[in-house]
């Protein structure tokens, strides 16, 4: 069994959290570069959510254990981390949980979204 002894943990989804399917309207040409990934044999172009990437880096600097996950599987999560150059900031890339068992319906974990400007 692995034990994560970190008291500070946060998790980031890939699709529509770290990588956006559509280019954000607030981006000017050349401001942000898209990333290219291989979605199980099909090329995909995605746009980085800069604010969430900055939050990952800031949280890592504060000592957080960083988890990146995707419902599209651990390969997609790993590929996203590498495409964004976040290997030094992310502790684990994995498949999104299908079920979480907890005594609280909302698991007591806040969900945060930050607009990218």
N, C-alpha and C. Protein backbone atom coordinates (compact mmCIF):
# COMPACT_ATOMS: atom_id res chain seq x y z
N UNK A 1 0.84 -1.18 0.00
CA UNK A 1 0.00 0.00 0.00
C UNK A 1 0.88 1.25 0.00
N UNK A 2 0.48 2.23 -0.80
CA UNK A 2 1.16 3.52 -0.79
C UNK A 2 0.46 4.44 0.21
N UNK A 3 1.22 5.26 0.89
CA UNK A 3 0.67 6.22 1.83
C UNK A 3 1.14 7.61 1.42
N UNK A 4 0.19 8.49 1.18
CA UNK A 4 0.51 9.88 0.88
C UNK A 4 0.43 10.64 2.19
N UNK A 5 1.56 11.09 2.69
CA UNK A 5 1.61 11.72 4.00
C UNK A 5 1.42 13.24 3.95
N UNK A 6 1.13 13.76 2.80
CA UNK A 6 0.93 15.19 2.67
C UNK A 6 -0.39 15.62 3.32
N UNK A 7 -0.34 16.67 4.10
CA UNK A 7 -1.55 17.24 4.70
C UNK A 7 -2.20 18.26 3.77
N UNK A 8 -1.47 18.66 2.73
CA UNK A 8 -1.97 19.62 1.75
C UNK A 8 -2.10 18.92 0.41
N UNK A 9 -3.32 18.79 -0.07
CA UNK A 9 -3.56 18.11 -1.35
C UNK A 9 -4.58 18.90 -2.16
N UNK A 10 -4.38 18.92 -3.47
CA UNK A 10 -5.43 19.44 -4.34
C UNK A 10 -5.39 18.70 -5.66
N UNK A 11 -6.54 18.66 -6.32
CA UNK A 11 -6.71 17.88 -7.54
C UNK A 11 -7.24 18.77 -8.66
N UNK A 12 -6.77 18.49 -9.86
CA UNK A 12 -7.18 19.24 -11.04
C UNK A 12 -7.62 18.28 -12.13
N UNK A 13 -8.78 18.52 -12.69
CA UNK A 13 -9.26 17.77 -13.84
C UNK A 13 -8.53 18.29 -15.08
N UNK A 14 -8.47 17.48 -16.13
CA UNK A 14 -7.81 17.91 -17.36
C UNK A 14 -8.79 18.68 -18.24
N UNK A 15 -9.82 18.01 -18.75
CA UNK A 15 -10.70 18.60 -19.75
C UNK A 15 -11.57 19.71 -19.18
N UNK A 16 -11.48 20.86 -19.81
CA UNK A 16 -12.22 22.06 -19.46
C UNK A 16 -11.82 22.63 -18.10
N UNK A 17 -10.68 22.17 -17.57
CA UNK A 17 -10.11 22.75 -16.35
C UNK A 17 -8.66 23.17 -16.62
N UNK A 18 -7.82 22.24 -17.06
CA UNK A 18 -6.45 22.58 -17.45
C UNK A 18 -6.34 22.82 -18.95
N UNK A 19 -7.09 22.06 -19.70
CA UNK A 19 -7.08 22.20 -21.16
C UNK A 19 -8.50 22.45 -21.66
N UNK A 20 -8.63 23.50 -22.47
CA UNK A 20 -9.94 23.88 -23.00
C UNK A 20 -10.06 23.41 -24.45
N UNK A 21 -11.23 22.90 -24.81
CA UNK A 21 -11.46 22.43 -26.18
C UNK A 21 -11.55 23.59 -27.16
N UNK A 22 -12.08 24.71 -26.71
CA UNK A 22 -12.22 25.89 -27.56
C UNK A 22 -11.25 26.98 -27.10
N UNK A 23 -10.75 27.71 -28.04
CA UNK A 23 -9.85 28.82 -27.71
C UNK A 23 -10.64 29.89 -26.97
N UNK A 24 -10.21 30.26 -25.78
CA UNK A 24 -10.93 31.30 -25.03
C UNK A 24 -10.99 32.61 -25.82
N UNK A 25 -12.15 33.24 -25.80
CA UNK A 25 -12.36 34.47 -26.57
C UNK A 25 -11.51 35.62 -26.07
N UNK A 26 -11.07 35.55 -24.83
CA UNK A 26 -10.26 36.63 -24.27
C UNK A 26 -8.81 36.59 -24.76
N UNK A 27 -8.39 35.49 -25.39
CA UNK A 27 -7.02 35.38 -25.87
C UNK A 27 -6.84 36.15 -27.17
N UNK A 28 -5.74 36.88 -27.24
CA UNK A 28 -5.39 37.56 -28.48
C UNK A 28 -4.47 36.63 -29.28
N UNK A 29 -4.45 36.80 -30.59
CA UNK A 29 -3.59 35.97 -31.44
C UNK A 29 -2.15 36.03 -30.94
N UNK A 30 -1.54 34.86 -30.82
CA UNK A 30 -0.16 34.76 -30.40
C UNK A 30 0.05 34.85 -28.90
N UNK A 31 -0.99 35.21 -28.16
CA UNK A 31 -0.85 35.37 -26.71
C UNK A 31 -0.60 34.03 -26.02
N UNK A 32 -1.38 33.04 -26.38
CA UNK A 32 -1.27 31.70 -25.80
C UNK A 32 -1.19 30.69 -26.93
N UNK A 33 -0.28 29.77 -26.82
CA UNK A 33 -0.15 28.73 -27.85
C UNK A 33 -0.96 27.51 -27.46
N UNK A 34 -1.55 26.90 -28.45
CA UNK A 34 -2.29 25.66 -28.21
C UNK A 34 -1.30 24.53 -28.01
N UNK A 35 -1.80 23.42 -27.47
CA UNK A 35 -0.98 22.22 -27.33
C UNK A 35 -1.64 21.12 -28.14
N UNK A 36 -0.81 20.24 -28.66
CA UNK A 36 -1.31 19.13 -29.47
C UNK A 36 -1.11 17.84 -28.69
N UNK A 37 -2.17 17.04 -28.64
CA UNK A 37 -2.11 15.76 -27.94
C UNK A 37 -2.67 14.66 -28.83
N UNK A 38 -2.34 13.45 -28.47
CA UNK A 38 -2.83 12.28 -29.18
C UNK A 38 -3.89 11.60 -28.32
N UNK A 39 -5.15 11.73 -28.74
CA UNK A 39 -6.24 11.12 -27.98
C UNK A 39 -6.49 9.72 -28.53
N UNK A 40 -5.72 8.76 -28.03
CA UNK A 40 -5.86 7.36 -28.42
C UNK A 40 -5.87 7.18 -29.94
N UNK A 41 -4.90 7.85 -30.59
CA UNK A 41 -4.75 7.72 -32.03
C UNK A 41 -5.37 8.86 -32.83
N UNK A 42 -6.09 9.73 -32.19
CA UNK A 42 -6.72 10.86 -32.86
C UNK A 42 -6.09 12.16 -32.36
N UNK A 43 -5.53 12.96 -33.28
CA UNK A 43 -4.91 14.22 -32.84
C UNK A 43 -5.94 15.19 -32.28
N UNK A 44 -5.58 15.88 -31.21
CA UNK A 44 -6.45 16.87 -30.59
C UNK A 44 -5.63 18.13 -30.29
N UNK A 45 -6.24 19.28 -30.51
CA UNK A 45 -5.63 20.57 -30.17
C UNK A 45 -6.43 21.13 -29.00
N UNK A 46 -5.74 21.56 -27.97
CA UNK A 46 -6.38 22.12 -26.78
C UNK A 46 -5.67 23.41 -26.38
N UNK A 47 -6.39 24.23 -25.61
CA UNK A 47 -5.87 25.52 -25.16
C UNK A 47 -5.65 25.48 -23.65
N UNK A 48 -4.46 25.84 -23.20
CA UNK A 48 -4.18 25.84 -21.76
C UNK A 48 -5.03 26.86 -21.02
N UNK A 49 -5.51 26.50 -19.86
CA UNK A 49 -6.19 27.44 -18.96
C UNK A 49 -5.09 28.02 -18.07
N UNK A 50 -4.59 29.15 -18.46
CA UNK A 50 -3.40 29.75 -17.84
C UNK A 50 -3.58 29.96 -16.34
N UNK A 51 -4.72 30.46 -15.91
CA UNK A 51 -4.94 30.74 -14.48
C UNK A 51 -4.85 29.47 -13.64
N UNK A 52 -5.45 28.38 -14.12
CA UNK A 52 -5.39 27.13 -13.37
C UNK A 52 -3.97 26.57 -13.34
N UNK A 53 -3.23 26.76 -14.41
CA UNK A 53 -1.83 26.32 -14.44
C UNK A 53 -1.01 27.13 -13.42
N UNK A 54 -1.27 28.43 -13.36
CA UNK A 54 -0.59 29.27 -12.36
C UNK A 54 -0.93 28.82 -10.94
N UNK A 55 -2.18 28.42 -10.73
CA UNK A 55 -2.60 27.95 -9.41
C UNK A 55 -1.87 26.66 -9.03
N UNK A 56 -1.70 25.75 -10.00
CA UNK A 56 -0.92 24.53 -9.73
C UNK A 56 0.48 24.90 -9.26
N UNK A 57 1.13 25.78 -9.98
CA UNK A 57 2.51 26.17 -9.64
C UNK A 57 2.57 26.84 -8.27
N UNK A 58 1.61 27.71 -7.99
CA UNK A 58 1.60 28.39 -6.70
C UNK A 58 1.34 27.42 -5.55
N UNK A 59 0.42 26.49 -5.75
CA UNK A 59 0.13 25.51 -4.71
C UNK A 59 1.32 24.57 -4.48
N UNK A 60 1.99 24.19 -5.54
CA UNK A 60 3.18 23.34 -5.39
C UNK A 60 4.25 24.07 -4.59
N UNK A 61 4.43 25.36 -4.87
CA UNK A 61 5.42 26.16 -4.15
C UNK A 61 5.09 26.24 -2.65
N UNK A 62 3.81 26.11 -2.32
CA UNK A 62 3.38 26.15 -0.91
C UNK A 62 3.40 24.77 -0.27
N UNK A 63 3.83 23.75 -1.02
CA UNK A 63 3.98 22.42 -0.45
C UNK A 63 2.83 21.46 -0.69
N UNK A 64 1.90 21.82 -1.57
CA UNK A 64 0.77 20.94 -1.85
C UNK A 64 1.20 19.72 -2.67
N UNK A 65 0.54 18.61 -2.42
CA UNK A 65 0.60 17.41 -3.26
C UNK A 65 -0.41 17.66 -4.37
N UNK A 66 0.03 17.59 -5.62
CA UNK A 66 -0.82 17.92 -6.76
C UNK A 66 -1.19 16.67 -7.54
N UNK A 67 -2.48 16.49 -7.71
CA UNK A 67 -3.03 15.35 -8.46
C UNK A 67 -3.75 15.90 -9.70
N UNK A 68 -3.45 15.34 -10.86
CA UNK A 68 -4.17 15.66 -12.09
C UNK A 68 -4.88 14.39 -12.54
N UNK A 69 -6.17 14.53 -12.86
CA UNK A 69 -6.95 13.35 -13.24
C UNK A 69 -7.79 13.65 -14.47
N UNK A 70 -8.27 12.58 -15.09
CA UNK A 70 -9.17 12.72 -16.24
C UNK A 70 -10.08 11.52 -16.34
N UNK A 71 -11.33 11.77 -16.69
CA UNK A 71 -12.27 10.69 -16.98
C UNK A 71 -11.85 9.96 -18.25
N UNK A 72 -10.99 10.59 -19.04
CA UNK A 72 -10.47 9.96 -20.26
C UNK A 72 -9.27 9.06 -19.99
N UNK A 73 -8.92 8.87 -18.73
CA UNK A 73 -7.88 7.92 -18.38
C UNK A 73 -6.55 8.54 -18.00
N UNK A 74 -5.73 7.70 -17.37
CA UNK A 74 -4.43 8.18 -16.88
C UNK A 74 -3.49 8.57 -18.02
N UNK A 75 -3.59 7.92 -19.19
CA UNK A 75 -2.71 8.27 -20.31
C UNK A 75 -2.97 9.70 -20.77
N UNK A 76 -4.26 10.08 -20.84
CA UNK A 76 -4.65 11.42 -21.24
C UNK A 76 -4.17 12.44 -20.19
N UNK A 77 -4.31 12.10 -18.93
CA UNK A 77 -3.86 12.99 -17.85
C UNK A 77 -2.34 13.17 -17.92
N UNK A 78 -1.63 12.07 -18.09
CA UNK A 78 -0.17 12.14 -18.19
C UNK A 78 0.26 12.97 -19.39
N UNK A 79 -0.39 12.76 -20.52
CA UNK A 79 -0.06 13.49 -21.73
C UNK A 79 -0.31 15.00 -21.55
N UNK A 80 -1.39 15.34 -20.88
CA UNK A 80 -1.71 16.75 -20.63
C UNK A 80 -0.64 17.39 -19.76
N UNK A 81 -0.24 16.71 -18.70
CA UNK A 81 0.80 17.24 -17.80
C UNK A 81 2.09 17.49 -18.59
N UNK A 82 2.48 16.56 -19.42
CA UNK A 82 3.71 16.71 -20.21
C UNK A 82 3.57 17.82 -21.25
N UNK A 83 2.41 17.89 -21.92
CA UNK A 83 2.20 18.91 -22.94
C UNK A 83 2.25 20.32 -22.35
N UNK A 84 1.83 20.44 -21.09
CA UNK A 84 1.82 21.74 -20.41
C UNK A 84 3.13 22.02 -19.67
N UNK A 85 4.06 21.06 -19.69
CA UNK A 85 5.35 21.25 -19.03
C UNK A 85 5.24 21.29 -17.52
N UNK A 86 4.30 20.51 -16.96
CA UNK A 86 4.04 20.55 -15.52
C UNK A 86 4.63 19.36 -14.76
N UNK A 87 5.53 18.61 -15.37
CA UNK A 87 6.07 17.42 -14.73
C UNK A 87 6.69 17.70 -13.37
N UNK A 88 7.30 18.87 -13.20
CA UNK A 88 7.94 19.20 -11.92
C UNK A 88 6.95 19.68 -10.86
N UNK A 89 5.70 19.89 -11.25
CA UNK A 89 4.69 20.41 -10.32
C UNK A 89 3.63 19.38 -9.93
N UNK A 90 3.47 18.35 -10.76
CA UNK A 90 2.41 17.37 -10.55
C UNK A 90 3.00 16.10 -9.95
N UNK A 91 2.39 15.64 -8.86
CA UNK A 91 2.87 14.43 -8.19
C UNK A 91 2.33 13.16 -8.81
N UNK A 92 1.08 13.21 -9.30
CA UNK A 92 0.49 12.01 -9.89
C UNK A 92 -0.54 12.40 -10.94
N UNK A 93 -0.55 11.65 -12.02
CA UNK A 93 -1.58 11.78 -13.06
C UNK A 93 -2.31 10.44 -13.09
N UNK A 94 -3.63 10.51 -13.01
CA UNK A 94 -4.39 9.26 -12.93
C UNK A 94 -5.79 9.41 -13.50
N UNK A 95 -6.46 8.27 -13.60
CA UNK A 95 -7.85 8.24 -14.04
C UNK A 95 -8.74 8.84 -12.96
N UNK A 96 -9.76 9.57 -13.38
CA UNK A 96 -10.72 10.17 -12.43
C UNK A 96 -11.47 9.07 -11.69
N UNK A 97 -11.72 9.31 -10.41
CA UNK A 97 -12.51 8.35 -9.62
C UNK A 97 -13.90 8.20 -10.24
N UNK A 98 -14.37 6.97 -10.32
CA UNK A 98 -15.73 6.75 -10.79
C UNK A 98 -16.72 6.87 -9.64
N UNK A 99 -16.28 6.51 -8.45
CA UNK A 99 -17.13 6.55 -7.27
C UNK A 99 -16.27 6.96 -6.08
N UNK A 100 -16.82 7.81 -5.22
CA UNK A 100 -16.17 8.16 -3.95
C UNK A 100 -17.16 7.82 -2.85
N UNK A 101 -16.72 7.04 -1.91
CA UNK A 101 -17.55 6.68 -0.76
C UNK A 101 -17.15 7.58 0.40
N UNK A 102 -18.12 8.25 0.97
CA UNK A 102 -17.86 9.15 2.08
C UNK A 102 -19.16 9.31 2.86
N UNK A 103 -19.04 9.71 4.12
CA UNK A 103 -20.24 9.89 4.93
C UNK A 103 -20.97 11.19 4.60
N UNK A 104 -20.33 12.08 3.83
CA UNK A 104 -20.95 13.34 3.43
C UNK A 104 -21.28 13.28 1.94
N UNK A 105 -22.51 13.62 1.56
CA UNK A 105 -22.88 13.54 0.14
C UNK A 105 -21.97 14.34 -0.77
N UNK A 106 -21.50 15.49 -0.30
CA UNK A 106 -20.62 16.31 -1.14
C UNK A 106 -19.15 16.05 -0.85
N UNK A 107 -18.86 15.08 0.00
CA UNK A 107 -17.49 14.70 0.40
C UNK A 107 -16.76 15.82 1.12
N UNK A 108 -17.44 16.92 1.38
CA UNK A 108 -16.83 18.01 2.12
C UNK A 108 -15.69 18.71 1.40
N UNK A 109 -15.57 18.48 0.09
CA UNK A 109 -14.47 19.07 -0.68
C UNK A 109 -15.04 20.14 -1.60
N UNK A 110 -14.57 21.38 -1.47
CA UNK A 110 -15.09 22.44 -2.34
C UNK A 110 -14.59 22.27 -3.77
N UNK A 111 -15.42 22.64 -4.72
CA UNK A 111 -15.06 22.66 -6.13
C UNK A 111 -14.82 24.12 -6.51
N UNK A 112 -13.66 24.40 -7.12
CA UNK A 112 -13.28 25.77 -7.44
C UNK A 112 -13.08 25.92 -8.94
N UNK A 113 -13.59 27.01 -9.49
CA UNK A 113 -13.36 27.36 -10.89
C UNK A 113 -12.91 28.80 -10.92
N UNK A 114 -11.84 29.09 -11.65
CA UNK A 114 -11.34 30.45 -11.78
C UNK A 114 -11.37 30.82 -13.25
N UNK A 115 -12.01 31.95 -13.56
CA UNK A 115 -12.06 32.42 -14.94
C UNK A 115 -10.65 32.75 -15.43
N UNK A 116 -10.38 32.43 -16.68
CA UNK A 116 -9.11 32.78 -17.29
C UNK A 116 -9.29 34.11 -18.02
N UNK A 117 -8.49 35.09 -17.65
CA UNK A 117 -8.65 36.41 -18.30
C UNK A 117 -7.44 36.76 -19.11
